[in-house]
Amino acid sequence: MIIQTNLCDQCGTCISVCPVDALMLTEHTLVIDHEKCTECMLCVHICPVAALERQS
């Protein structure tokens, strides 16, 4: 997964739907733990500003 930090407003909606707790907010940005992420795409579909996308 890739975070488009210029779009992310740090609302936390993606964090609440992640079944493996792979997303976390730091002081200034959203961070993905790629070791935990299963690329289920729930965060991509729920993000209100389309700041997340699948890595190619």
PDB file of N, CA and C in Angstrom:
ATOM      1  N   MET A   1       0.834  -1.165   0.000  1.00  0.00           N
ATOM      2  CA  MET A   1       0.000   0.000   0.000  1.00  0.00           C
ATOM      3  C   MET A   1       0.889   1.243   0.000  1.00  0.00           C
ATOM      4  N   ILE A   2       0.376   2.288  -0.609  1.00  0.00           N
ATOM      5  CA  ILE A   2       1.076   3.572  -0.666  1.00  0.00           C
ATOM      6  C   ILE A   2       0.148   4.649  -0.114  1.00  0.00           C
ATOM      7  N   ILE A   3       0.721   5.530   0.700  1.00  0.00           N
ATOM      8  CA  ILE A   3      -0.030   6.665   1.229  1.00  0.00           C
ATOM      9  C   ILE A   3       0.369   7.905   0.445  1.00  0.00           C
ATOM     10  N   GLN A   4      -0.609   8.582  -0.098  1.00  0.00           N
ATOM     11  CA  GLN A   4      -0.353   9.868  -0.740  1.00  0.00           C
ATOM     12  C   GLN A   4      -0.495  10.921   0.356  1.00  0.00           C
ATOM     13  N   THR A   5       0.633  11.259   0.972  1.00  0.00           N
ATOM     14  CA  THR A   5       0.617  12.124   2.146  1.00  0.00           C
ATOM     15  C   THR A   5       0.066  13.517   1.859  1.00  0.00           C
ATOM     16  N   ASN A   6       0.151  13.942   0.616  1.00  0.00           N
ATOM     17  CA  ASN A   6      -0.404  15.254   0.272  1.00  0.00           C
ATOM     18  C   ASN A   6      -1.933  15.241   0.298  1.00  0.00           C
ATOM     19  N   LEU A   7      -2.547  14.064   0.215  1.00  0.00           N
ATOM     20  CA  LEU A   7      -4.004  13.940   0.260  1.00  0.00           C
ATOM     21  C   LEU A   7      -4.523  13.546   1.644  1.00  0.00           C
ATOM     22  N   CYS A   8      -3.739  12.797   2.382  1.00  0.00           N
ATOM     23  CA  CYS A   8      -4.174  12.270   3.679  1.00  0.00           C
ATOM     24  C   CYS A   8      -4.436  13.405   4.670  1.00  0.00           C
ATOM     25  N   ASP A   9      -5.638  13.389   5.269  1.00  0.00           N
ATOM     26  CA  ASP A   9      -5.968  14.408   6.268  1.00  0.00           C
ATOM     27  C   ASP A   9      -5.919  13.848   7.690  1.00  0.00           C
ATOM     28  N   GLN A  10      -5.356  12.658   7.840  1.00  0.00           N
ATOM     29  CA  GLN A  10      -5.149  11.998   9.124  1.00  0.00           C
ATOM     30  C   GLN A  10      -6.444  11.832   9.916  1.00  0.00           C
ATOM     31  N   CYS A  11      -7.528  11.508   9.233  1.00  0.00           N
ATOM     32  CA  CYS A  11      -8.826  11.343   9.905  1.00  0.00           C
ATOM     33  C   CYS A  11      -8.893  10.055  10.724  1.00  0.00           C
ATOM     34  N   GLY A  12      -8.089   9.041  10.354  1.00  0.00           N
ATOM     35  CA  GLY A  12      -8.059   7.789  11.097  1.00  0.00           C
ATOM     36  C   GLY A  12      -9.095   6.763  10.683  1.00  0.00           C
ATOM     37  N   THR A  13      -9.893   7.068   9.680  1.00  0.00           N
ATOM     38  CA  THR A  13     -10.923   6.130   9.234  1.00  0.00           C
ATOM     39  C   THR A  13     -10.304   4.812   8.786  1.00  0.00           C
ATOM     40  N   CYS A  14      -9.213   4.871   8.081  1.00  0.00           N
ATOM     41  CA  CYS A  14      -8.546   3.664   7.595  1.00  0.00           C
ATOM     42  C   CYS A  14      -8.045   2.795   8.750  1.00  0.00           C
ATOM     43  N   ILE A  15      -7.578   3.439   9.798  1.00  0.00           N
ATOM     44  CA  ILE A  15      -7.074   2.712  10.961  1.00  0.00           C
ATOM     45  C   ILE A  15      -8.188   1.885  11.592  1.00  0.00           C
ATOM     46  N   SER A  16      -9.366   2.457  11.646  1.00  0.00           N
ATOM     47  CA  SER A  16     -10.487   1.779  12.305  1.00  0.00           C
ATOM     48  C   SER A  16     -10.974   0.543  11.555  1.00  0.00           C
ATOM     49  N   VAL A  17     -10.705   0.440  10.255  1.00  0.00           N
ATOM     50  CA  VAL A  17     -11.173  -0.725   9.496  1.00  0.00           C
ATOM     51  C   VAL A  17     -10.090  -1.774   9.249  1.00  0.00           C
ATOM     52  N   CYS A  18      -8.860  -1.467   9.570  1.00  0.00           N
ATOM     53  CA  CYS A  18      -7.763  -2.409   9.298  1.00  0.00           C
ATOM     54  C   CYS A  18      -7.848  -3.621  10.236  1.00  0.00           C
ATOM     55  N   PRO A  19      -8.054  -4.819   9.676  1.00  0.00           N
ATOM     56  CA  PRO A  19      -8.220  -6.011  10.512  1.00  0.00           C
ATOM     57  C   PRO A  19      -6.930  -6.511  11.155  1.00  0.00           C
ATOM     58  N   VAL A  20      -5.780  -6.022  10.689  1.00  0.00           N
ATOM     59  CA  VAL A  20      -4.501  -6.495  11.230  1.00  0.00           C
ATOM     60  C   VAL A  20      -3.702  -5.386  11.914  1.00  0.00           C
ATOM     61  N   ASP A  21      -4.334  -4.246  12.142  1.00  0.00           N
ATOM     62  CA  ASP A  21      -3.681  -3.108  12.810  1.00  0.00           C
ATOM     63  C   ASP A  21      -2.361  -2.717  12.148  1.00  0.00           C
ATOM     64  N   ALA A  22      -2.387  -2.633  10.825  1.00  0.00           N
ATOM     65  CA  ALA A  22      -1.178  -2.294  10.078  1.00  0.00           C
ATOM     66  C   ALA A  22      -0.998  -0.793   9.876  1.00  0.00           C
ATOM     67  N   LEU A  23      -1.993  -0.010  10.262  1.00  0.00           N
ATOM     68  CA  LEU A  23      -1.927   1.436  10.072  1.00  0.00           C
ATOM     69  C   LEU A  23      -1.853   2.140  11.415  1.00  0.00           C
ATOM     70  N   MET A  24      -1.030   3.204  11.470  1.00  0.00           N
ATOM     71  CA  MET A  24      -0.947   3.993  12.691  1.00  0.00           C
ATOM     72  C   MET A  24      -0.639   5.443  12.345  1.00  0.00           C
ATOM     73  N   LEU A  25      -1.113   6.328  13.185  1.00  0.00           N
ATOM     74  CA  LEU A  25      -0.817   7.744  13.016  1.00  0.00           C
ATOM     75  C   LEU A  25       0.359   8.112  13.894  1.00  0.00           C
ATOM     76  N   THR A  26       1.332   8.789  13.305  1.00  0.00           N
ATOM     77  CA  THR A  26       2.409   9.371  14.087  1.00  0.00           C
ATOM     78  C   THR A  26       2.041  10.836  14.288  1.00  0.00           C
ATOM     79  N   GLU A  27       2.948  11.602  14.793  1.00  0.00           N
ATOM     80  CA  GLU A  27       2.663  13.015  15.049  1.00  0.00           C
ATOM     81  C   GLU A  27       2.317  13.778  13.778  1.00  0.00           C
ATOM     82  N   HIS A  28       2.916  13.371  12.652  1.00  0.00           N
ATOM     83  CA  HIS A  28       2.741  14.148  11.427  1.00  0.00           C
ATOM     84  C   HIS A  28       2.205  13.380  10.228  1.00  0.00           C
ATOM     85  N   THR A  29       2.096  12.058  10.313  1.00  0.00           N
ATOM     86  CA  THR A  29       1.704  11.308   9.124  1.00  0.00           C
ATOM     87  C   THR A  29       1.122   9.938   9.472  1.00  0.00           C
ATOM     88  N   LEU A  30       0.491   9.337   8.503  1.00  0.00           N
ATOM     89  CA  LEU A  30       0.000   7.972   8.602  1.00  0.00           C
ATOM     90  C   LEU A  30       1.129   7.041   8.175  1.00  0.00           C
ATOM     91  N   VAL A  31       1.266   5.916   8.868  1.00  0.00           N
ATOM     92  CA  VAL A  31       2.334   4.960   8.575  1.00  0.00           C
ATOM     93  C   VAL A  31       1.722   3.581   8.390  1.00  0.00           C
ATOM     94  N   ILE A  32       2.230   2.848   7.399  1.00  0.00           N
ATOM     95  CA  ILE A  32       1.794   1.468   7.154  1.00  0.00           C
ATOM     96  C   ILE A  32       2.903   0.517   7.579  1.00  0.00           C
ATOM     97  N   ASP A  33       2.552  -0.472   8.381  1.00  0.00           N
ATOM     98  CA  ASP A  33       3.480  -1.539   8.726  1.00  0.00           C
ATOM     99  C   ASP A  33       3.327  -2.601   7.638  1.00  0.00           C
ATOM    100  N   HIS A  34       4.243  -2.602   6.693  1.00  0.00           N
ATOM    101  CA  HIS A  34       4.140  -3.494   5.535  1.00  0.00           C
ATOM    102  C   HIS A  34       4.307  -4.966   5.910  1.00  0.00           C
ATOM    103  N   GLU A  35       4.895  -5.233   7.072  1.00  0.00           N
ATOM    104  CA  GLU A  35       5.012  -6.614   7.546  1.00  0.00           C
ATOM    105  C   GLU A  35       3.639  -7.165   7.950  1.00  0.00           C
ATOM    106  N   LYS A  36       2.773  -6.307   8.471  1.00  0.00           N
ATOM    107  CA  LYS A  36       1.440  -6.720   8.909  1.00  0.00           C
ATOM    108  C   LYS A  36       0.401  -6.644   7.798  1.00  0.00           C
ATOM    109  N   CYS A  37       0.556  -5.694   6.892  1.00  0.00           N
ATOM    110  CA  CYS A  37      -0.457  -5.417   5.869  1.00  0.00           C
ATOM    111  C   CYS A  37      -0.680  -6.627   4.960  1.00  0.00           C
ATOM    112  N   THR A  38      -1.946  -6.997   4.794  1.00  0.00           N
ATOM    113  CA  THR A  38      -2.305  -8.116   3.919  1.00  0.00           C
ATOM    114  C   THR A  38      -2.879  -7.635   2.586  1.00  0.00           C
ATOM    115  N   GLU A  39      -2.893  -6.326   2.383  1.00  0.00           N
ATOM    116  CA  GLU A  39      -3.441  -5.699   1.174  1.00  0.00           C
ATOM    117  C   GLU A  39      -4.888  -6.121   0.920  1.00  0.00           C
ATOM    118  N   CYS A  40      -5.670  -6.121   1.982  1.00  0.00           N
ATOM    119  CA  CYS A  40      -7.091  -6.470   1.865  1.00  0.00           C
ATOM    120  C   CYS A  40      -7.896  -5.363   1.195  1.00  0.00           C
ATOM    121  N   MET A  41      -7.328  -4.173   1.115  1.00  0.00           N
ATOM    122  CA  MET A  41      -7.919  -3.018   0.429  1.00  0.00           C
ATOM    123  C   MET A  41      -9.059  -2.337   1.191  1.00  0.00           C
ATOM    124  N   LEU A  42      -9.353  -2.751   2.409  1.00  0.00           N
ATOM    125  CA  LEU A  42     -10.414  -2.088   3.170  1.00  0.00           C
ATOM    126  C   LEU A  42     -10.094  -0.611   3.372  1.00  0.00           C
ATOM    127  N   CYS A  43      -8.854  -0.306   3.667  1.00  0.00           N
ATOM    128  CA  CYS A  43      -8.465   1.088   3.882  1.00  0.00           C
ATOM    129  C   CYS A  43      -8.604   1.913   2.605  1.00  0.00           C
ATOM    130  N   VAL A  44      -8.272   1.322   1.484  1.00  0.00           N
ATOM    131  CA  VAL A  44      -8.371   2.015   0.196  1.00  0.00           C
ATOM    132  C   VAL A  44      -9.819   2.389  -0.089  1.00  0.00           C
ATOM    133  N   HIS A  45     -10.722   1.452   0.149  1.00  0.00           N
ATOM    134  CA  HIS A  45     -12.135   1.674  -0.160  1.00  0.00           C
ATOM    135  C   HIS A  45     -12.820   2.639   0.800  1.00  0.00           C
ATOM    136  N   ILE A  46     -12.339   2.713   2.043  1.00  0.00           N
ATOM    137  CA  ILE A  46     -13.008   3.559   3.042  1.00  0.00           C
ATOM    138  C   ILE A  46     -12.445   4.982   3.094  1.00  0.00           C
ATOM    139  N   CYS A  47     -11.262   5.195   2.571  1.00  0.00           N
ATOM    140  CA  CYS A  47     -10.615   6.514   2.676  1.00  0.00           C
ATOM    141  C   CYS A  47     -11.449   7.589   1.968  1.00  0.00           C
ATOM    142  N   PRO A  48     -11.894   8.606   2.716  1.00  0.00           N
ATOM    143  CA  PRO A  48     -12.754   9.635   2.127  1.00  0.00           C
ATOM    144  C   PRO A  48     -12.043  10.582   1.163  1.00  0.00           C
ATOM    145  N   VAL A  49     -10.704  10.575   1.189  1.00  0.00           N
ATOM    146  CA  VAL A  49      -9.958  11.479   0.300  1.00  0.00           C
ATOM    147  C   VAL A  49      -9.081  10.725  -0.700  1.00  0.00           C
ATOM    148  N   ALA A  50      -9.265   9.411  -0.797  1.00  0.00           N
ATOM    149  CA  ALA A  50      -8.519   8.558  -1.740  1.00  0.00           C
ATOM    150  C   ALA A  50      -7.007   8.721  -1.606  1.00  0.00           C
ATOM    151  N   ALA A  51      -6.533   8.706  -0.361  1.00  0.00           N
ATOM    152  CA  ALA A  51      -5.107   8.895  -0.105  1.00  0.00           C
ATOM    153  C   ALA A  51      -4.314   7.594  -0.097  1.00  0.00           C
ATOM    154  N   LEU A  52      -5.003   6.462  -0.169  1.00  0.00           N
ATOM    155  CA  LEU A  52      -4.325   5.168  -0.156  1.00  0.00           C
ATOM    156  C   LEU A  52      -4.540   4.453  -1.480  1.00  0.00           C
ATOM    157  N   GLU A  53      -3.503   3.762  -1.920  1.00  0.00           N
ATOM    158  CA  GLU A  53      -3.633   2.976  -3.147  1.00  0.00           C
ATOM    159  C   GLU A  53      -2.727   1.758  -3.068  1.00  0.00           C
ATOM    160  N   ARG A  54      -3.076   0.763  -3.860  1.00  0.00           N
ATOM    161  CA  ARG A  54      -2.274  -0.460  -3.905  1.00  0.00           C
ATOM    162  C   ARG A  54      -0.953  -0.176  -4.616  1.00  0.00           C
ATOM    163  N   GLN A  55       0.104  -0.704  -4.050  1.00  0.00           N
ATOM    164  CA  GLN A  55       1.428  -0.541  -4.641  1.00  0.00           C
ATOM    165  C   GLN A  55       1.562  -1.481  -5.828  1.00  0.00           C
ATOM    166  N   SER A  56       2.077  -0.956  -6.950  1.00  0.00           N
ATOM    167  CA  SER A  56       2.221  -1.819  -8.126  1.00  0.00           C
ATOM    168  C   SER A  56       3.543  -2.523  -8.161  1.00  0.00           C
TER     169      SER A  56
END
